[in-house]
Every structure is written in C-alpha cells, then in structure tokens.
All heavy atoms as atom14 arrays in JSON, in Angstrom:
{
  "sequence": "VLGEGPMYVVSVSGPKMYEIGDDPWMDRRAYMTQLFQWINVHD",
  "atom14_mask": [
    [1, 1, 1, 1, 1, 1, 1, 0, 0, 0, 0, 0, 0, 0],
    [1, 1, 1, 1, 1, 1, 1, 1, 0, 0, 0, 0, 0, 0],
    [1, 1, 1, 1, 0, 0, 0, 0, 0, 0, 0, 0, 0, 0],
    [1, 1, 1, 1, 1, 1, 1, 1, 1, 0, 0, 0, 0, 0],
    [1, 1, 1, 1, 0, 0, 0, 0, 0, 0, 0, 0, 0, 0],
    [1, 1, 1, 1, 1, 1, 1, 0, 0, 0, 0, 0, 0, 0],
    [1, 1, 1, 1, 1, 1, 1, 1, 0, 0, 0, 0, 0, 0],
    [1, 1, 1, 1, 1, 1, 1, 1, 1, 1, 1, 1, 0, 0],
    [1, 1, 1, 1, 1, 1, 1, 0, 0, 0, 0, 0, 0, 0],
    [1, 1, 1, 1, 1, 1, 1, 0, 0, 0, 0, 0, 0, 0],
    [1, 1, 1, 1, 1, 1, 0, 0, 0, 0, 0, 0, 0, 0],
    [1, 1, 1, 1, 1, 1, 1, 0, 0, 0, 0, 0, 0, 0],
    [1, 1, 1, 1, 1, 1, 0, 0, 0, 0, 0, 0, 0, 0],
    [1, 1, 1, 1, 0, 0, 0, 0, 0, 0, 0, 0, 0, 0],
    [1, 1, 1, 1, 1, 1, 1, 0, 0, 0, 0, 0, 0, 0],
    [1, 1, 1, 1, 1, 1, 1, 1, 1, 0, 0, 0, 0, 0],
    [1, 1, 1, 1, 1, 1, 1, 1, 0, 0, 0, 0, 0, 0],
    [1, 1, 1, 1, 1, 1, 1, 1, 1, 1, 1, 1, 0, 0],
    [1, 1, 1, 1, 1, 1, 1, 1, 1, 0, 0, 0, 0, 0],
    [1, 1, 1, 1, 1, 1, 1, 1, 0, 0, 0, 0, 0, 0],
    [1, 1, 1, 1, 0, 0, 0, 0, 0, 0, 0, 0, 0, 0],
    [1, 1, 1, 1, 1, 1, 1, 1, 0, 0, 0, 0, 0, 0],
    [1, 1, 1, 1, 1, 1, 1, 1, 0, 0, 0, 0, 0, 0],
    [1, 1, 1, 1, 1, 1, 1, 0, 0, 0, 0, 0, 0, 0],
    [1, 1, 1, 1, 1, 1, 1, 1, 1, 1, 1, 1, 1, 1],
    [1, 1, 1, 1, 1, 1, 1, 1, 0, 0, 0, 0, 0, 0],
    [1, 1, 1, 1, 1, 1, 1, 1, 0, 0, 0, 0, 0, 0],
    [1, 1, 1, 1, 1, 1, 1, 1, 1, 1, 1, 0, 0, 0],
    [1, 1, 1, 1, 1, 1, 1, 1, 1, 1, 1, 0, 0, 0],
    [1, 1, 1, 1, 1, 0, 0, 0, 0, 0, 0, 0, 0, 0],
    [1, 1, 1, 1, 1, 1, 1, 1, 1, 1, 1, 1, 0, 0],
    [1, 1, 1, 1, 1, 1, 1, 1, 0, 0, 0, 0, 0, 0],
    [1, 1, 1, 1, 1, 1, 1, 0, 0, 0, 0, 0, 0, 0],
    [1, 1, 1, 1, 1, 1, 1, 1, 1, 0, 0, 0, 0, 0],
    [1, 1, 1, 1, 1, 1, 1, 1, 0, 0, 0, 0, 0, 0],
    [1, 1, 1, 1, 1, 1, 1, 1, 1, 1, 1, 0, 0, 0],
    [1, 1, 1, 1, 1, 1, 1, 1, 1, 0, 0, 0, 0, 0],
    [1, 1, 1, 1, 1, 1, 1, 1, 1, 1, 1, 1, 1, 1],
    [1, 1, 1, 1, 1, 1, 1, 1, 0, 0, 0, 0, 0, 0],
    [1, 1, 1, 1, 1, 1, 1, 1, 0, 0, 0, 0, 0, 0],
    [1, 1, 1, 1, 1, 1, 1, 0, 0, 0, 0, 0, 0, 0],
    [1, 1, 1, 1, 1, 1, 1, 1, 1, 1, 0, 0, 0, 0],
    [1, 1, 1, 1, 1, 1, 1, 1, 0, 0, 0, 0, 0, 0]
  ],
  "atom14_positions": [
    [[-2.94, -3.55, 9.46], [-3.9, -2.53, 9.85], [-3.33, -1.81, 11.07], [-3.0, -2.43, 12.09], [-5.27, -3.14, 10.19], [-6.23, -2.07, 10.66], [-5.82, -3.88, 8.98], [0.0, 0.0, 0.0], [0.0, 0.0, 0.0], [0.0, 0.0, 0.0], [0.0, 0.0, 0.0], [0.0, 0.0, 0.0], [0.0, 0.0, 0.0], [0.0, 0.0, 0.0]],
    [[-3.22, -0.5, 10.98], [-2.68, 0.3, 12.07], [-3.77, 0.65, 13.07], [-4.94, 0.74, 12.72], [-2.05, 1.58, 11.53], [-0.96, 1.41, 10.46], [-0.43, 2.77, 10.03], [0.18, 0.54, 10.98], [0.0, 0.0, 0.0], [0.0, 0.0, 0.0], [0.0, 0.0, 0.0], [0.0, 0.0, 0.0], [0.0, 0.0, 0.0], [0.0, 0.0, 0.0]],
    [[-3.36, 0.82, 14.33], [-4.29, 1.26, 15.36], [-5.08, 0.14, 16.0], [-5.96, 0.4, 16.82], [0.0, 0.0, 0.0], [0.0, 0.0, 0.0], [0.0, 0.0, 0.0], [0.0, 0.0, 0.0], [0.0, 0.0, 0.0], [0.0, 0.0, 0.0], [0.0, 0.0, 0.0], [0.0, 0.0, 0.0], [0.0, 0.0, 0.0], [0.0, 0.0, 0.0]],
    [[-4.79, -1.1, 15.66], [-5.45, -2.25, 16.26], [-4.4, -3.31, 16.56], [-3.29, -3.28, 16.03], [-6.52, -2.83, 15.33], [-7.65, -1.86, 15.02], [-8.74, -2.51, 14.17], [-8.97, -3.73, 14.33], [-9.35, -1.81, 13.34], [0.0, 0.0, 0.0], [0.0, 0.0, 0.0], [0.0, 0.0, 0.0], [0.0, 0.0, 0.0], [0.0, 0.0, 0.0]],
    [[-4.77, -4.27, 17.44], [-3.86, -5.36, 17.74], [-2.95, -5.05, 18.91], [-3.19, -4.11, 19.68], [0.0, 0.0, 0.0], [0.0, 0.0, 0.0], [0.0, 0.0, 0.0], [0.0, 0.0, 0.0], [0.0, 0.0, 0.0], [0.0, 0.0, 0.0], [0.0, 0.0, 0.0], [0.0, 0.0, 0.0], [0.0, 0.0, 0.0], [0.0, 0.0, 0.0]],
    [[-1.9, -5.85, 19.09], [-0.98, -5.63, 20.21], [-0.32, -4.26, 20.16], [-0.06, -3.73, 19.08], [0.06, -6.75, 20.04], [-0.62, -7.79, 19.2], [-1.53, -7.03, 18.28], [0.0, 0.0, 0.0], [0.0, 0.0, 0.0], [0.0, 0.0, 0.0], [0.0, 0.0, 0.0], [0.0, 0.0, 0.0], [0.0, 0.0, 0.0], [0.0, 0.0, 0.0]],
    [[-0.05, -3.71, 21.32], [0.74, -2.48, 21.41], [2.21, -2.89, 21.47], [2.64, -3.53, 22.41], [0.36, -1.67, 22.64], [1.21, -0.41, 22.83], [0.98, 0.84, 21.54], [-0.58, 1.56, 22.1], [0.0, 0.0, 0.0], [0.0, 0.0, 0.0], [0.0, 0.0, 0.0], [0.0, 0.0, 0.0], [0.0, 0.0, 0.0], [0.0, 0.0, 0.0]],
    [[2.96, -2.49, 20.45], [4.39, -2.8, 20.39], [5.19, -1.59, 20.86], [4.95, -0.46, 20.42], [4.79, -3.14, 18.95], [4.17, -4.41, 18.43], [3.09, -4.36, 17.54], [4.65, -5.65, 18.82], [2.52, -5.53, 17.05], [4.08, -6.82, 18.34], [3.02, -6.76, 17.46], [2.45, -7.91, 16.99], [0.0, 0.0, 0.0], [0.0, 0.0, 0.0]],
    [[6.15, -1.85, 21.77], [7.02, -0.78, 22.26], [8.47, -1.22, 22.1], [8.83, -2.36, 22.41], [6.76, -0.47, 23.74], [7.6, 0.74, 24.18], [5.28, -0.21, 24.0], [0.0, 0.0, 0.0], [0.0, 0.0, 0.0], [0.0, 0.0, 0.0], [0.0, 0.0, 0.0], [0.0, 0.0, 0.0], [0.0, 0.0, 0.0], [0.0, 0.0, 0.0]],
    [[9.29, -0.32, 21.59], [10.74, -0.48, 21.58], [11.31, 0.69, 22.38], [10.89, 1.84, 22.18], [11.31, -0.45, 20.15], [12.83, -0.57, 20.17], [10.69, -1.55, 19.3], [0.0, 0.0, 0.0], [0.0, 0.0, 0.0], [0.0, 0.0, 0.0], [0.0, 0.0, 0.0], [0.0, 0.0, 0.0], [0.0, 0.0, 0.0], [0.0, 0.0, 0.0]],
    [[12.23, 0.39, 23.3], [12.77, 1.49, 24.09], [14.24, 1.25, 24.4], [14.75, 0.13, 24.25], [11.98, 1.65, 25.4], [12.33, 2.86, 26.05], [0.0, 0.0, 0.0], [0.0, 0.0, 0.0], [0.0, 0.0, 0.0], [0.0, 0.0, 0.0], [0.0, 0.0, 0.0], [0.0, 0.0, 0.0], [0.0, 0.0, 0.0], [0.0, 0.0, 0.0]],
    [[14.91, 2.3, 24.83], [16.33, 2.25, 25.21], [16.51, 3.07, 26.48], [15.96, 4.17, 26.6], [17.23, 2.77, 24.07], [16.89, 4.21, 23.68], [18.71, 2.65, 24.45], [0.0, 0.0, 0.0], [0.0, 0.0, 0.0], [0.0, 0.0, 0.0], [0.0, 0.0, 0.0], [0.0, 0.0, 0.0], [0.0, 0.0, 0.0], [0.0, 0.0, 0.0]],
    [[17.25, 2.52, 27.43], [17.5, 3.24, 28.67], [18.96, 3.66, 28.82], [19.27, 4.55, 29.6], [17.08, 2.4, 29.88], [17.76, 1.15, 29.91], [0.0, 0.0, 0.0], [0.0, 0.0, 0.0], [0.0, 0.0, 0.0], [0.0, 0.0, 0.0], [0.0, 0.0, 0.0], [0.0, 0.0, 0.0], [0.0, 0.0, 0.0], [0.0, 0.0, 0.0]],
    [[19.86, 3.02, 28.08], [21.27, 3.35, 28.16], [21.67, 4.43, 27.17], [20.85, 4.96, 26.42], [0.0, 0.0, 0.0], [0.0, 0.0, 0.0], [0.0, 0.0, 0.0], [0.0, 0.0, 0.0], [0.0, 0.0, 0.0], [0.0, 0.0, 0.0], [0.0, 0.0, 0.0], [0.0, 0.0, 0.0], [0.0, 0.0, 0.0], [0.0, 0.0, 0.0]],
    [[22.98, 4.78, 27.12], [23.43, 5.91, 26.32], [23.78, 5.6, 24.87], [24.0, 6.51, 24.08], [24.68, 6.37, 27.07], [25.23, 5.1, 27.66], [24.03, 4.29, 28.04], [0.0, 0.0, 0.0], [0.0, 0.0, 0.0], [0.0, 0.0, 0.0], [0.0, 0.0, 0.0], [0.0, 0.0, 0.0], [0.0, 0.0, 0.0], [0.0, 0.0, 0.0]],
    [[23.81, 4.31, 24.49], [24.12, 3.96, 23.11], [22.88, 4.19, 22.25], [21.8, 3.68, 22.56], [24.56, 2.5, 23.01], [24.9, 2.03, 21.61], [25.28, 0.55, 21.64], [25.58, 0.01, 20.25], [25.91, -1.45, 20.29], [0.0, 0.0, 0.0], [0.0, 0.0, 0.0], [0.0, 0.0, 0.0], [0.0, 0.0, 0.0], [0.0, 0.0, 0.0]],
    [[23.01, 4.94, 21.13], [21.85, 5.31, 20.33], [22.03, 4.96, 18.86], [23.14, 5.04, 18.33], [21.61, 6.83, 20.45], [21.34, 7.3, 21.86], [19.73, 6.71, 22.46], [19.86, 7.15, 24.22], [0.0, 0.0, 0.0], [0.0, 0.0, 0.0], [0.0, 0.0, 0.0], [0.0, 0.0, 0.0], [0.0, 0.0, 0.0], [0.0, 0.0, 0.0]],
    [[20.92, 4.57, 18.22], [20.88, 4.34, 16.78], [19.94, 5.37, 16.14], [19.08, 5.94, 16.81], [20.35, 2.94, 16.45], [21.21, 1.79, 16.89], [20.68, 0.52, 17.01], [22.57, 1.95, 17.16], [21.45, -0.57, 17.42], [23.36, 0.88, 17.56], [22.79, -0.37, 17.69], [23.56, -1.44, 18.07], [0.0, 0.0, 0.0], [0.0, 0.0, 0.0]],
    [[20.08, 5.53, 14.83], [19.15, 6.39, 14.11], [17.76, 5.76, 14.12], [17.6, 4.55, 14.33], [19.63, 6.61, 12.67], [19.75, 5.34, 11.85], [20.27, 5.6, 10.45], [19.76, 6.54, 9.82], [21.15, 4.87, 10.0], [0.0, 0.0, 0.0], [0.0, 0.0, 0.0], [0.0, 0.0, 0.0], [0.0, 0.0, 0.0], [0.0, 0.0, 0.0]],
    [[16.75, 6.57, 13.88], [15.37, 6.09, 13.93], [14.67, 6.36, 12.62], [14.91, 7.37, 11.95], [14.61, 6.76, 15.09], [13.24, 6.11, 15.28], [14.5, 8.27, 14.89], [12.55, 6.5, 16.56], [0.0, 0.0, 0.0], [0.0, 0.0, 0.0], [0.0, 0.0, 0.0], [0.0, 0.0, 0.0], [0.0, 0.0, 0.0], [0.0, 0.0, 0.0]],
    [[13.8, 5.41, 12.24], [13.02, 5.55, 11.02], [11.75, 6.35, 11.25], [11.53, 6.93, 12.33], [0.0, 0.0, 0.0], [0.0, 0.0, 0.0], [0.0, 0.0, 0.0], [0.0, 0.0, 0.0], [0.0, 0.0, 0.0], [0.0, 0.0, 0.0], [0.0, 0.0, 0.0], [0.0, 0.0, 0.0], [0.0, 0.0, 0.0], [0.0, 0.0, 0.0]],
    [[10.9, 6.36, 10.25], [9.64, 7.11, 10.31], [8.54, 6.24, 9.72], [7.86, 6.63, 8.76], [9.78, 8.43, 9.54], [8.55, 9.32, 9.72], [7.77, 9.08, 10.66], [8.38, 10.25, 8.9], [0.0, 0.0, 0.0], [0.0, 0.0, 0.0], [0.0, 0.0, 0.0], [0.0, 0.0, 0.0], [0.0, 0.0, 0.0], [0.0, 0.0, 0.0]],
    [[8.36, 5.06, 10.31], [7.39, 4.12, 9.78], [5.97, 4.45, 10.25], [5.79, 5.0, 11.35], [7.77, 2.7, 10.18], [9.1, 2.27, 9.57], [9.38, 2.7, 8.44], [9.85, 1.52, 10.22], [0.0, 0.0, 0.0], [0.0, 0.0, 0.0], [0.0, 0.0, 0.0], [0.0, 0.0, 0.0], [0.0, 0.0, 0.0], [0.0, 0.0, 0.0]],
    [[4.96, 4.08, 9.48], [3.58, 4.47, 9.8], [3.07, 3.92, 11.13], [2.15, 4.51, 11.72], [2.78, 3.91, 8.62], [3.76, 3.78, 7.51], [5.06, 3.45, 8.15], [0.0, 0.0, 0.0], [0.0, 0.0, 0.0], [0.0, 0.0, 0.0], [0.0, 0.0, 0.0], [0.0, 0.0, 0.0], [0.0, 0.0, 0.0], [0.0, 0.0, 0.0]],
    [[3.61, 2.8, 11.61], [3.1, 2.2, 12.83], [3.43, 3.01, 14.08], [2.82, 2.82, 15.13], [3.62, 0.77, 13.0], [5.1, 0.67, 13.32], [6.12, 0.64, 12.44], [5.69, 0.59, 14.63], [7.33, 0.54, 13.1], [7.08, 0.5, 14.45], [5.18, 0.57, 15.93], [7.98, 0.41, 15.51], [6.08, 0.48, 17.0], [7.45, 0.39, 16.79]],
    [[4.37, 3.93, 13.99], [4.86, 4.65, 15.17], [3.93, 5.8, 15.56], [3.83, 6.8, 14.86], [6.26, 5.2, 14.89], [7.3, 4.16, 14.53], [8.89, 4.94, 14.14], [9.9, 3.5, 13.72], [0.0, 0.0, 0.0], [0.0, 0.0, 0.0], [0.0, 0.0, 0.0], [0.0, 0.0, 0.0], [0.0, 0.0, 0.0], [0.0, 0.0, 0.0]],
    [[3.24, 5.66, 16.69], [2.41, 6.75, 17.22], [3.27, 7.83, 17.87], [2.89, 9.01, 17.89], [1.42, 6.23, 18.25], [0.29, 5.44, 17.61], [0.16, 5.48, 16.37], [-0.45, 4.76, 18.35], [0.0, 0.0, 0.0], [0.0, 0.0, 0.0], [0.0, 0.0, 0.0], [0.0, 0.0, 0.0], [0.0, 0.0, 0.0], [0.0, 0.0, 0.0]],
    [[4.38, 7.43, 18.43], [5.31, 8.35, 19.09], [6.7, 7.73, 19.0], [6.85, 6.53, 19.16], [4.89, 8.54, 20.54], [5.73, 9.51, 21.38], [5.49, 10.96, 21.03], [5.91, 11.84, 22.15], [6.02, 13.15, 22.04], [5.74, 13.76, 20.89], [6.38, 13.89, 23.09], [0.0, 0.0, 0.0], [0.0, 0.0, 0.0], [0.0, 0.0, 0.0]],
    [[7.7, 8.55, 18.74], [9.06, 8.03, 18.59], [10.06, 9.01, 19.17], [9.73, 10.18, 19.41], [9.38, 7.74, 17.11], [9.25, 8.95, 16.22], [9.14, 8.56, 14.74], [8.95, 9.77, 13.94], [9.87, 10.3, 13.14], [11.04, 9.69, 12.98], [9.63, 11.4, 12.46], [0.0, 0.0, 0.0], [0.0, 0.0, 0.0], [0.0, 0.0, 0.0]],
    [[11.28, 8.53, 19.41], [12.32, 9.39, 19.98], [13.69, 8.88, 19.57], [13.95, 7.67, 19.51], [12.22, 9.42, 21.5], [0.0, 0.0, 0.0], [0.0, 0.0, 0.0], [0.0, 0.0, 0.0], [0.0, 0.0, 0.0], [0.0, 0.0, 0.0], [0.0, 0.0, 0.0], [0.0, 0.0, 0.0], [0.0, 0.0, 0.0], [0.0, 0.0, 0.0]],
    [[14.57, 9.84, 19.31], [15.96, 9.59, 18.96], [16.85, 10.25, 20.01], [16.5, 11.32, 20.54], [16.23, 10.17, 17.56], [17.69, 10.3, 17.18], [18.46, 9.18, 16.89], [18.28, 11.55, 17.08], [19.79, 9.3, 16.52], [19.61, 11.69, 16.7], [20.36, 10.56, 16.43], [21.68, 10.67, 16.06], [0.0, 0.0, 0.0], [0.0, 0.0, 0.0]],
    [[17.97, 9.61, 20.34], [18.95, 10.17, 21.28], [18.28, 10.53, 22.61], [18.49, 11.61, 23.16], [19.64, 11.4, 20.67], [20.64, 11.08, 19.59], [22.12, 10.22, 20.2], [22.93, 11.52, 21.11], [0.0, 0.0, 0.0], [0.0, 0.0, 0.0], [0.0, 0.0, 0.0], [0.0, 0.0, 0.0], [0.0, 0.0, 0.0], [0.0, 0.0, 0.0]],
    [[17.5, 9.6, 23.14], [16.77, 9.86, 24.37], [16.79, 8.62, 25.26], [16.35, 7.55, 24.85], [15.3, 10.24, 24.07], [15.26, 11.3, 23.12], [14.59, 10.67, 25.34], [0.0, 0.0, 0.0], [0.0, 0.0, 0.0], [0.0, 0.0, 0.0], [0.0, 0.0, 0.0], [0.0, 0.0, 0.0], [0.0, 0.0, 0.0], [0.0, 0.0, 0.0]],
    [[17.32, 8.77, 26.47], [17.28, 7.69, 27.46], [15.93, 7.75, 28.17], [15.52, 8.8, 28.67], [18.41, 7.86, 28.47], [19.79, 7.56, 27.9], [20.88, 7.76, 28.94], [21.56, 8.78, 28.95], [21.05, 6.78, 29.83], [0.0, 0.0, 0.0], [0.0, 0.0, 0.0], [0.0, 0.0, 0.0], [0.0, 0.0, 0.0], [0.0, 0.0, 0.0]],
    [[15.26, 6.6, 28.24], [13.89, 6.53, 28.75], [13.71, 5.38, 29.71], [14.46, 4.39, 29.69], [12.92, 6.37, 27.58], [12.85, 7.5, 26.56], [12.54, 6.95, 25.19], [11.81, 8.54, 26.97], [0.0, 0.0, 0.0], [0.0, 0.0, 0.0], [0.0, 0.0, 0.0], [0.0, 0.0, 0.0], [0.0, 0.0, 0.0], [0.0, 0.0, 0.0]],
    [[12.69, 5.49, 30.54], [12.18, 4.35, 31.3], [10.66, 4.43, 31.23], [10.09, 5.48, 30.95], [12.67, 4.37, 32.75], [12.16, 5.52, 33.57], [10.98, 5.43, 34.3], [12.87, 6.72, 33.62], [10.51, 6.5, 35.05], [12.42, 7.79, 34.37], [11.23, 7.69, 35.08], [0.0, 0.0, 0.0], [0.0, 0.0, 0.0], [0.0, 0.0, 0.0]],
    [[10.01, 3.29, 31.47], [8.55, 3.21, 31.36], [7.94, 2.72, 32.67], [8.48, 1.78, 33.3], [8.15, 2.28, 30.22], [8.37, 2.85, 28.84], [9.83, 3.01, 28.45], [10.24, 4.02, 27.91], [10.64, 1.99, 28.72], [0.0, 0.0, 0.0], [0.0, 0.0, 0.0], [0.0, 0.0, 0.0], [0.0, 0.0, 0.0], [0.0, 0.0, 0.0]],
    [[6.85, 3.35, 33.06], [6.04, 2.9, 34.2], [4.72, 2.39, 33.65], [4.06, 3.06, 32.86], [5.8, 4.07, 35.15], [4.81, 3.79, 36.25], [5.07, 3.18, 37.45], [3.42, 4.14, 36.28], [3.93, 3.13, 38.22], [2.9, 3.71, 37.53], [2.56, 4.78, 35.38], [1.56, 3.89, 37.87], [1.23, 4.96, 35.73], [0.74, 4.52, 36.96]],
    [[4.34, 1.19, 34.08], [3.13, 0.54, 33.59], [2.31, 0.08, 34.8], [2.86, -0.53, 35.73], [3.47, -0.65, 32.67], [4.22, -0.13, 31.43], [2.21, -1.4, 32.26], [5.01, -1.18, 30.71], [0.0, 0.0, 0.0], [0.0, 0.0, 0.0], [0.0, 0.0, 0.0], [0.0, 0.0, 0.0], [0.0, 0.0, 0.0], [0.0, 0.0, 0.0]],
    [[1.03, 0.38, 34.79], [0.15, 0.04, 35.9], [-1.09, -0.69, 35.35], [-1.78, -0.16, 34.47], [-0.27, 1.31, 36.64], [-1.07, 1.01, 37.89], [-0.55, 0.46, 38.85], [-2.35, 1.4, 37.89], [0.0, 0.0, 0.0], [0.0, 0.0, 0.0], [0.0, 0.0, 0.0], [0.0, 0.0, 0.0], [0.0, 0.0, 0.0], [0.0, 0.0, 0.0]],
    [[-1.35, -1.87, 35.88], [-2.47, -2.7, 35.43], [-3.46, -2.85, 36.58], [-3.09, -3.31, 37.68], [-1.97, -4.08, 34.97], [-3.15, -4.94, 34.52], [-0.96, -3.94, 33.84], [0.0, 0.0, 0.0], [0.0, 0.0, 0.0], [0.0, 0.0, 0.0], [0.0, 0.0, 0.0], [0.0, 0.0, 0.0], [0.0, 0.0, 0.0], [0.0, 0.0, 0.0]],
    [[-4.69, -2.47, 36.35], [-5.7, -2.56, 37.41], [-7.08, -2.68, 36.78], [-7.48, -1.84, 35.97], [-5.64, -1.33, 38.31], [-6.57, -1.38, 39.48], [-6.7, -2.49, 40.29], [-7.43, -0.45, 40.01], [-7.57, -2.26, 41.23], [-8.05, -1.02, 41.08], [0.0, 0.0, 0.0], [0.0, 0.0, 0.0], [0.0, 0.0, 0.0], [0.0, 0.0, 0.0]],
    [[-7.78, -3.75, 37.14], [-9.12, -4.01, 36.62], [-9.1, -3.96, 35.09], [-8.39, -4.73, 34.47], [-10.12, -3.01, 37.21], [-10.35, -3.22, 38.7], [-10.11, -4.33, 39.18], [-10.75, -2.26, 39.38], [0.0, 0.0, 0.0], [0.0, 0.0, 0.0], [0.0, 0.0, 0.0], [0.0, 0.0, 0.0], [0.0, 0.0, 0.0], [0.0, 0.0, 0.0]]
  ]
}
C-alpha cells in the first residue's frame, strides 16, 4: 500500500551516478544529482 508506513529515502551525495527507475513508491526522484538532507525533529 503506497502512502502509508515508513518513509523510505535513498540518496547520493558523491559524483558517482546510476540510472533511476520509475517505480510507483517514489514521490520524488532524481538522477545525476548530488544531494544532502537536513532533518529536524521537534515535538
């Protein structure tokens, strides 16, 4: 069931890149993109 359960994230910060699929679970996706994530937990 999509849209419920744990939030799964896959990310890459370095320059080595693989091709990306188009699976239904992906709310947002990126190819050939170096990324970092900021996460803030409060209450």
